[in-house]
Amino acid sequence: MNEFLNDLQQRLGNGLAAIDPHHRLHGRPVSYRVIDGKTVEITYRDVAGIAEAEVLGVKRLIGRECFCTVSPQSAERLIVRFVVSVT
């Protein structure tokens, strides 16, 4: 799991600037949480907005089937979560 998580963090860290020209996710607070040893939840906070192209770009960087949810954090900010199955 640690190797997968390190690789995932590196791919997102290196590739996010290229697929996120408006810096909607790049530079935002991000957290990684392992759930039941089989799933990783990636959470971006304080996101001003997100486009479908950016979501698809992150999914390509992740390189596995994953799901994305967007929910309000405040009136002006969003929380963007990606859930990735490790198995």
Protein backbone atom coordinates (compact mmCIF):
# COMPACT_ATOMS: atom_id res chain seq x y z
CA MET A 1 0.00 0.00 0.00
CA ASN A 2 2.80 2.45 0.85
CA GLU A 3 4.43 1.95 -2.55
CA PHE A 4 1.11 2.53 -4.33
CA LEU A 5 0.43 5.66 -2.27
CA ASN A 6 3.91 7.07 -2.85
CA ASP A 7 3.62 6.45 -6.59
CA LEU A 8 0.16 8.05 -6.67
CA GLN A 9 1.35 11.14 -4.79
CA GLN A 10 4.32 11.49 -7.12
CA ARG A 11 2.20 11.14 -10.29
CA LEU A 12 -0.27 13.75 -9.06
CA GLY A 13 2.47 16.05 -7.83
CA ASN A 14 4.34 15.93 -11.13
CA GLY A 15 1.36 15.93 -13.51
CA LEU A 16 -1.23 18.16 -11.89
CA ALA A 17 0.25 21.47 -13.07
CA ALA A 18 0.07 20.31 -16.70
CA ILE A 19 -3.59 19.25 -16.61
CA ASP A 20 -4.77 22.05 -14.30
CA PRO A 21 -3.89 25.31 -16.12
CA HIS A 22 -6.16 27.41 -13.89
CA HIS A 23 -4.64 25.95 -10.70
CA ARG A 24 -8.01 24.90 -9.35
CA LEU A 25 -6.49 21.82 -7.69
CA HIS A 26 -2.76 22.45 -8.01
CA GLY A 27 -1.52 24.12 -4.82
CA ARG A 28 -4.70 23.42 -2.84
CA PRO A 29 -4.59 21.55 0.46
CA VAL A 30 -4.71 17.83 -0.31
CA SER A 31 -4.97 14.80 1.95
CA TYR A 32 -4.67 11.08 1.30
CA ARG A 33 -6.54 8.58 3.45
CA VAL A 34 -6.36 4.80 3.23
CA ILE A 35 -9.71 3.11 3.87
CA ASP A 36 -9.73 -0.58 4.89
CA GLY A 37 -6.36 -1.11 3.23
CA LYS A 38 -8.11 -1.41 -0.15
CA THR A 39 -9.14 2.11 -1.09
CA VAL A 40 -7.47 5.53 -1.14
CA GLU A 41 -9.44 8.75 -0.75
CA ILE A 42 -7.77 11.87 -2.15
CA THR A 43 -9.37 15.09 -0.90
CA TYR A 44 -8.69 18.57 -2.24
CA ARG A 45 -10.03 21.43 -0.10
CA ASP A 46 -10.56 25.14 -0.76
CA VAL A 47 -11.24 24.57 -4.46
CA ALA A 48 -12.82 27.62 -6.14
CA GLY A 49 -14.31 25.60 -9.02
CA ILE A 50 -13.66 22.51 -11.10
CA ALA A 51 -14.25 21.63 -14.76
CA GLU A 52 -14.99 18.20 -16.19
CA ALA A 53 -11.74 18.34 -18.19
CA GLU A 54 -9.76 18.75 -14.96
CA VAL A 55 -11.57 15.85 -13.31
CA LEU A 56 -10.85 13.64 -16.33
CA GLY A 57 -7.20 14.76 -16.30
CA VAL A 58 -6.80 13.76 -12.66
CA LYS A 59 -8.43 10.40 -13.40
CA ARG A 60 -5.89 9.85 -16.20
CA LEU A 61 -3.04 10.70 -13.82
CA ILE A 62 -4.40 8.27 -11.24
CA GLY A 63 -4.41 5.57 -13.90
CA ARG A 64 -7.03 3.35 -12.28
CA GLU A 65 -10.77 3.25 -12.12
CA CYS A 66 -11.87 5.88 -9.64
CA PHE A 67 -14.82 8.02 -8.68
CA CYS A 68 -15.02 11.74 -8.06
CA THR A 69 -17.42 13.71 -5.88
CA VAL A 70 -17.70 17.45 -5.50
CA SER A 71 -19.40 18.95 -2.46
CA PRO A 72 -19.68 22.41 -0.94
CA GLN A 73 -17.19 23.36 1.75
CA SER A 74 -18.51 26.91 2.08
CA ALA A 75 -20.45 29.33 -0.10
CA GLU A 76 -17.34 30.00 -2.22
CA ARG A 77 -15.27 26.82 -1.87
CA LEU A 78 -15.64 23.15 -2.80
CA ILE A 79 -14.26 19.84 -1.62
CA VAL A 80 -13.21 17.53 -4.46
CA ARG A 81 -12.72 13.85 -3.57
CA PHE A 82 -11.34 11.04 -5.67
CA VAL A 83 -11.84 7.48 -4.42
CA VAL A 84 -9.44 4.91 -5.89
CA SER A 85 -9.56 1.15 -5.47
CA VAL A 86 -6.12 -0.31 -4.84
CA THR A 87 -7.09 -3.90 -5.57
